[in-house]
PDB file of all heavy atoms in Angstrom:
ATOM      1  N   MET A   1     -26.520   5.419 -12.142  1.00  0.00           N
ATOM      2  CA  MET A   1     -26.733   6.041 -10.821  1.00  0.00           C
ATOM      3  C   MET A   1     -28.207   6.451 -10.662  1.00  0.00           C
ATOM      4  O   MET A   1     -28.840   6.917 -11.596  1.00  0.00           O
ATOM      5  CB  MET A   1     -25.832   7.278 -10.705  1.00  0.00           C
ATOM      6  CG  MET A   1     -25.861   7.928  -9.338  1.00  0.00           C
ATOM      7  SD  MET A   1     -24.660   9.268  -9.242  1.00  0.00           S
ATOM      8  CE  MET A   1     -25.120  10.001  -7.692  1.00  0.00           C
ATOM      9  N   HIS A   2     -28.738   6.219  -9.437  1.00  0.00           N
ATOM     10  CA  HIS A   2     -30.144   6.543  -9.189  1.00  0.00           C
ATOM     11  C   HIS A   2     -30.354   8.055  -9.134  1.00  0.00           C
ATOM     12  O   HIS A   2     -29.511   8.798  -8.626  1.00  0.00           O
ATOM     13  CB  HIS A   2     -30.599   5.940  -7.851  1.00  0.00           C
ATOM     14  CG  HIS A   2     -30.424   4.465  -7.772  1.00  0.00           C
ATOM     15  ND1 HIS A   2     -31.113   3.600  -8.583  1.00  0.00           N
ATOM     16  CD2 HIS A   2     -29.634   3.695  -6.965  1.00  0.00           C
ATOM     17  CE1 HIS A   2     -30.748   2.355  -8.286  1.00  0.00           C
ATOM     18  NE2 HIS A   2     -29.858   2.390  -7.316  1.00  0.00           N
ATOM     19  N   THR A   3     -31.493   8.518  -9.659  1.00  0.00           N
ATOM     20  CA  THR A   3     -31.898   9.921  -9.528  1.00  0.00           C
ATOM     21  C   THR A   3     -33.332   9.948  -9.039  1.00  0.00           C
ATOM     22  O   THR A   3     -34.061   8.952  -9.163  1.00  0.00           O
ATOM     23  CB  THR A   3     -31.809  10.668 -10.873  1.00  0.00           C
ATOM     24  OG1 THR A   3     -32.770  10.100 -11.781  1.00  0.00           O
ATOM     25  CG2 THR A   3     -30.404  10.578 -11.470  1.00  0.00           C
ATOM     26  N   ILE A   4     -33.769  11.073  -8.514  1.00  0.00           N
ATOM     27  CA  ILE A   4     -35.144  11.197  -8.040  1.00  0.00           C
ATOM     28  C   ILE A   4     -36.126  11.087  -9.206  1.00  0.00           C
ATOM     29  O   ILE A   4     -37.226  10.548  -9.054  1.00  0.00           O
ATOM     30  CB  ILE A   4     -35.347  12.513  -7.249  1.00  0.00           C
ATOM     31  CG1 ILE A   4     -36.751  12.569  -6.635  1.00  0.00           C
ATOM     32  CG2 ILE A   4     -35.087  13.724  -8.124  1.00  0.00           C
ATOM     33  CD1 ILE A   4     -37.067  11.466  -5.657  1.00  0.00           C
ATOM     34  N   ASP A   5     -35.716  11.537 -10.405  1.00  0.00           N
ATOM     35  CA  ASP A   5     -36.604  11.444 -11.576  1.00  0.00           C
ATOM     36  C   ASP A   5     -36.801   9.999 -12.007  1.00  0.00           C
ATOM     37  O   ASP A   5     -37.920   9.583 -12.325  1.00  0.00           O
ATOM     38  CB  ASP A   5     -36.037  12.264 -12.741  1.00  0.00           C
ATOM     39  CG  ASP A   5     -36.096  13.763 -12.461  1.00  0.00           C
ATOM     40  OD1 ASP A   5     -37.029  14.184 -11.732  1.00  0.00           O
ATOM     41  OD2 ASP A   5     -35.214  14.493 -12.941  1.00  0.00           O
ATOM     42  N   SER A   6     -35.716   9.211 -12.004  1.00  0.00           N
ATOM     43  CA  SER A   6     -35.845   7.796 -12.391  1.00  0.00           C
ATOM     44  C   SER A   6     -36.685   7.042 -11.372  1.00  0.00           C
ATOM     45  O   SER A   6     -37.477   6.159 -11.721  1.00  0.00           O
ATOM     46  CB  SER A   6     -34.465   7.152 -12.539  1.00  0.00           C
ATOM     47  OG  SER A   6     -33.782   7.156 -11.292  1.00  0.00           O
ATOM     48  N   LEU A   7     -36.541   7.384 -10.080  1.00  0.00           N
ATOM     49  CA  LEU A   7     -37.366   6.750  -9.047  1.00  0.00           C
ATOM     50  C   LEU A   7     -38.835   7.125  -9.238  1.00  0.00           C
ATOM     51  O   LEU A   7     -39.725   6.261  -9.152  1.00  0.00           O
ATOM     52  CB  LEU A   7     -36.885   7.177  -7.659  1.00  0.00           C
ATOM     53  CG  LEU A   7     -37.718   6.661  -6.469  1.00  0.00           C
ATOM     54  CD1 LEU A   7     -37.723   5.142  -6.413  1.00  0.00           C
ATOM     55  CD2 LEU A   7     -37.213   7.242  -5.145  1.00  0.00           C
ATOM     56  N   ALA A   8     -39.110   8.421  -9.503  1.00  0.00           N
ATOM     57  CA  ALA A   8     -40.493   8.872  -9.695  1.00  0.00           C
ATOM     58  C   ALA A   8     -41.135   8.161 -10.884  1.00  0.00           C
ATOM     59  O   ALA A   8     -42.312   7.770 -10.830  1.00  0.00           O
ATOM     60  CB  ALA A   8     -40.521  10.381  -9.912  1.00  0.00           C
ATOM     61  N   HIS A   9     -40.364   7.950 -11.934  1.00  0.00           N
ATOM     62  CA  HIS A   9     -40.881   7.235 -13.110  1.00  0.00           C
ATOM     63  C   HIS A   9     -41.257   5.801 -12.732  1.00  0.00           C
ATOM     64  O   HIS A   9     -42.305   5.282 -13.150  1.00  0.00           O
ATOM     65  CB  HIS A   9     -39.829   7.254 -14.223  1.00  0.00           C
ATOM     66  CG  HIS A   9     -40.259   6.499 -15.441  1.00  0.00           C
ATOM     67  ND1 HIS A   9     -41.238   6.967 -16.302  1.00  0.00           N
ATOM     68  CD2 HIS A   9     -39.864   5.283 -15.936  1.00  0.00           C
ATOM     69  CE1 HIS A   9     -41.427   6.083 -17.276  1.00  0.00           C
ATOM     70  NE2 HIS A   9     -40.588   5.055 -17.064  1.00  0.00           N
ATOM     71  N   ARG A  10     -40.411   5.177 -11.924  1.00  0.00           N
ATOM     72  CA  ARG A  10     -40.674   3.795 -11.491  1.00  0.00           C
ATOM     73  C   ARG A  10     -41.912   3.728 -10.600  1.00  0.00           C
ATOM     74  O   ARG A  10     -42.714   2.799 -10.699  1.00  0.00           O
ATOM     75  CB  ARG A  10     -39.449   3.277 -10.735  1.00  0.00           C
ATOM     76  CG  ARG A  10     -39.495   1.821 -10.374  1.00  0.00           C
ATOM     77  CD  ARG A  10     -38.164   1.388  -9.803  1.00  0.00           C
ATOM     78  NE  ARG A  10     -38.128  -0.035  -9.563  1.00  0.00           N
ATOM     79  CZ  ARG A  10     -37.042  -0.678  -9.134  1.00  0.00           C
ATOM     80  NH1 ARG A  10     -35.922  -0.006  -8.931  1.00  0.00           N
ATOM     81  NH2 ARG A  10     -37.079  -1.975  -8.928  1.00  0.00           N
ATOM     82  N   LEU A  11     -42.081   4.717  -9.735  1.00  0.00           N
ATOM     83  CA  LEU A  11     -43.212   4.728  -8.795  1.00  0.00           C
ATOM     84  C   LEU A  11     -44.541   4.991  -9.503  1.00  0.00           C
ATOM     85  O   LEU A  11     -45.601   4.600  -9.000  1.00  0.00           O
ATOM     86  CB  LEU A  11     -42.994   5.793  -7.715  1.00  0.00           C
ATOM     87  CG  LEU A  11     -41.817   5.576  -6.758  1.00  0.00           C
ATOM     88  CD1 LEU A  11     -41.671   6.765  -5.819  1.00  0.00           C
ATOM     89  CD2 LEU A  11     -41.994   4.293  -5.957  1.00  0.00           C
ATOM     90  N   SER A  12     -44.487   5.625 -10.678  1.00  0.00           N
ATOM     91  CA  SER A  12     -45.730   5.970 -11.391  1.00  0.00           C
ATOM     92  C   SER A  12     -46.514   4.740 -11.819  1.00  0.00           C
ATOM     93  O   SER A  12     -47.701   4.827 -12.124  1.00  0.00           O
ATOM     94  CB  SER A  12     -45.412   6.834 -12.618  1.00  0.00           C
ATOM     95  OG  SER A  12     -44.608   6.111 -13.533  1.00  0.00           O
ATOM     96  N   SER A  13     -45.862   3.560 -11.781  1.00  0.00           N
ATOM     97  CA  SER A  13     -46.561   2.328 -12.174  1.00  0.00           C
ATOM     98  C   SER A  13     -47.536   1.846 -11.104  1.00  0.00           C
ATOM     99  O   SER A  13     -48.428   1.052 -11.388  1.00  0.00           O
ATOM    100  CB  SER A  13     -45.548   1.219 -12.480  1.00  0.00           C
ATOM    101  OG  SER A  13     -44.822   0.895 -11.309  1.00  0.00           O
ATOM    102  N   TYR A  14     -47.361   2.340  -9.838  1.00  0.00           N
ATOM    103  CA  TYR A  14     -48.287   1.850  -8.806  1.00  0.00           C
ATOM    104  C   TYR A  14     -48.714   2.899  -7.774  1.00  0.00           C
ATOM    105  O   TYR A  14     -49.545   2.614  -6.905  1.00  0.00           O
ATOM    106  CB  TYR A  14     -47.699   0.608  -8.100  1.00  0.00           C
ATOM    107  CG  TYR A  14     -46.586   0.878  -7.113  1.00  0.00           C
ATOM    108  CD1 TYR A  14     -46.851   1.017  -5.753  1.00  0.00           C
ATOM    109  CD2 TYR A  14     -45.265   0.968  -7.529  1.00  0.00           C
ATOM    110  CE1 TYR A  14     -45.844   1.240  -4.845  1.00  0.00           C
ATOM    111  CE2 TYR A  14     -44.238   1.190  -6.630  1.00  0.00           C
ATOM    112  CZ  TYR A  14     -44.525   1.320  -5.277  1.00  0.00           C
ATOM    113  OH  TYR A  14     -43.514   1.533  -4.369  1.00  0.00           O
ATOM    114  N   LEU A  15     -48.148   4.099  -7.819  1.00  0.00           N
ATOM    115  CA  LEU A  15     -48.554   5.137  -6.863  1.00  0.00           C
ATOM    116  C   LEU A  15     -49.170   6.333  -7.595  1.00  0.00           C
ATOM    117  O   LEU A  15     -48.744   6.677  -8.701  1.00  0.00           O
ATOM    118  CB  LEU A  15     -47.338   5.627  -6.063  1.00  0.00           C
ATOM    119  CG  LEU A  15     -46.789   4.719  -4.963  1.00  0.00           C
ATOM    120  CD1 LEU A  15     -45.619   5.405  -4.269  1.00  0.00           C
ATOM    121  CD2 LEU A  15     -47.839   4.328  -3.943  1.00  0.00           C
ATOM    122  N   PRO A  16     -50.170   7.008  -6.998  1.00  0.00           N
ATOM    123  CA  PRO A  16     -50.777   8.197  -7.615  1.00  0.00           C
ATOM    124  C   PRO A  16     -49.819   9.386  -7.561  1.00  0.00           C
ATOM    125  O   PRO A  16     -48.923   9.433  -6.711  1.00  0.00           O
ATOM    126  CB  PRO A  16     -52.021   8.443  -6.760  1.00  0.00           C
ATOM    127  CG  PRO A  16     -51.720   7.804  -5.448  1.00  0.00           C
ATOM    128  CD  PRO A  16     -50.842   6.631  -5.733  1.00  0.00           C
ATOM    129  N   PRO A  17     -50.014  10.386  -8.431  1.00  0.00           N
ATOM    130  CA  PRO A  17     -49.092  11.527  -8.533  1.00  0.00           C
ATOM    131  C   PRO A  17     -48.882  12.284  -7.221  1.00  0.00           C
ATOM    132  O   PRO A  17     -47.757  12.688  -6.911  1.00  0.00           O
ATOM    133  CB  PRO A  17     -49.762  12.423  -9.583  1.00  0.00           C
ATOM    134  CG  PRO A  17     -50.606  11.496 -10.390  1.00  0.00           C
ATOM    135  CD  PRO A  17     -51.074  10.440  -9.462  1.00  0.00           C
ATOM    136  N   GLU A  18     -49.959  12.486  -6.428  1.00  0.00           N
ATOM    137  CA  GLU A  18     -49.798  13.281  -5.201  1.00  0.00           C
ATOM    138  C   GLU A  18     -48.884  12.569  -4.185  1.00  0.00           C
ATOM    139  O   GLU A  18     -48.159  13.202  -3.422  1.00  0.00           O
ATOM    140  CB  GLU A  18     -51.156  13.614  -4.564  1.00  0.00           C
ATOM    141  CG  GLU A  18     -51.997  12.421  -4.126  1.00  0.00           C
ATOM    142  CD  GLU A  18     -52.914  11.903  -5.240  1.00  0.00           C
ATOM    143  OE1 GLU A  18     -52.650  12.204  -6.427  1.00  0.00           O
ATOM    144  OE2 GLU A  18     -53.892  11.204  -4.899  1.00  0.00           O
ATOM    145  N   GLN A  19     -48.923  11.223  -4.184  1.00  0.00           N
ATOM    146  CA  GLN A  19     -48.045  10.489  -3.273  1.00  0.00           C
ATOM    147  C   GLN A  19     -46.596  10.537  -3.751  1.00  0.00           C
ATOM    148  O   GLN A  19     -45.663  10.634  -2.943  1.00  0.00           O
ATOM    149  CB  GLN A  19     -48.522   9.037  -3.132  1.00  0.00           C
ATOM    150  CG  GLN A  19     -49.861   8.923  -2.417  1.00  0.00           C
ATOM    151  CD  GLN A  19     -50.303   7.478  -2.209  1.00  0.00           C
ATOM    152  OE1 GLN A  19     -49.608   6.551  -2.598  1.00  0.00           O
ATOM    153  NE2 GLN A  19     -51.467   7.299  -1.604  1.00  0.00           N
ATOM    154  N   ILE A  20     -46.403  10.467  -5.075  1.00  0.00           N
ATOM    155  CA  ILE A  20     -45.049  10.590  -5.634  1.00  0.00           C
ATOM    156  C   ILE A  20     -44.475  11.965  -5.305  1.00  0.00           C
ATOM    157  O   ILE A  20     -43.293  12.104  -4.980  1.00  0.00           O
ATOM    158  CB  ILE A  20     -45.061  10.344  -7.167  1.00  0.00           C
ATOM    159  CG1 ILE A  20     -45.521   8.910  -7.460  1.00  0.00           C
ATOM    160  CG2 ILE A  20     -43.684  10.604  -7.772  1.00  0.00           C
ATOM    161  CD1 ILE A  20     -45.721   8.607  -8.932  1.00  0.00           C
ATOM    162  N   GLN A  21     -45.340  12.977  -5.341  1.00  0.00           N
ATOM    163  CA  GLN A  21     -44.897  14.337  -5.039  1.00  0.00           C
ATOM    164  C   GLN A  21     -44.428  14.448  -3.585  1.00  0.00           C
ATOM    165  O   GLN A  21     -43.443  15.131  -3.284  1.00  0.00           O
ATOM    166  CB  GLN A  21     -46.040  15.329  -5.308  1.00  0.00           C
ATOM    167  CG  GLN A  21     -45.635  16.803  -5.221  1.00  0.00           C
ATOM    168  CD  GLN A  21     -44.481  17.168  -6.150  1.00  0.00           C
ATOM    169  OE1 GLN A  21     -44.387  16.652  -7.265  1.00  0.00           O
ATOM    170  NE2 GLN A  21     -43.579  18.035  -5.681  1.00  0.00           N
ATOM    171  N   SER A  22     -45.127  13.746  -2.670  1.00  0.00           N
ATOM    172  CA  SER A  22     -44.720  13.791  -1.258  1.00  0.00           C
ATOM    173  C   SER A  22     -43.351  13.122  -1.078  1.00  0.00           C
ATOM    174  O   SER A  22     -42.550  13.536  -0.226  1.00  0.00           O
ATOM    175  CB  SER A  22     -45.766  13.113  -0.370  1.00  0.00           C
ATOM    176  OG  SER A  22     -45.761  11.708  -0.557  1.00  0.00           O
ATOM    177  N   ILE A  23     -43.062  12.091  -1.894  1.00  0.00           N
ATOM    178  CA  ILE A  23     -41.746  11.428  -1.839  1.00  0.00           C
ATOM    179  C   ILE A  23     -40.664  12.360  -2.386  1.00  0.00           C
ATOM    180  O   ILE A  23     -39.551  12.431  -1.853  1.00  0.00           O
ATOM    181  CB  ILE A  23     -41.789  10.095  -2.620  1.00  0.00           C
ATOM    182  CG1 ILE A  23     -42.752   9.112  -1.919  1.00  0.00           C
ATOM    183  CG2 ILE A  23     -40.399   9.471  -2.738  1.00  0.00           C
ATOM    184  CD1 ILE A  23     -43.158   7.929  -2.754  1.00  0.00           C
ATOM    185  N   ARG A  24     -41.006  13.102  -3.467  1.00  0.00           N
ATOM    186  CA  ARG A  24     -40.069  14.100  -4.004  1.00  0.00           C
ATOM    187  C   ARG A  24     -39.738  15.144  -2.930  1.00  0.00           C
ATOM    188  O   ARG A  24     -38.573  15.537  -2.748  1.00  0.00           O
ATOM    189  CB  ARG A  24     -40.690  14.812  -5.219  1.00  0.00           C
ATOM    190  CG  ARG A  24     -40.544  14.064  -6.539  1.00  0.00           C
ATOM    191  CD  ARG A  24     -41.172  14.919  -7.650  1.00  0.00           C
ATOM    192  NE  ARG A  24     -41.045  14.302  -8.943  1.00  0.00           N
ATOM    193  CZ  ARG A  24     -39.968  14.398  -9.729  1.00  0.00           C
ATOM    194  NH1 ARG A  24     -38.916  15.099  -9.326  1.00  0.00           N
ATOM    195  NH2 ARG A  24     -39.939  13.809 -10.911  1.00  0.00           N
TER     196      ARG A  24
END
């Protein structure tokens, strides 16, 4: 099952931290 943490980990490969935070 998808979680916000697993998505954030996946996004870290191509998005900067501040943008990942806005998605959170």
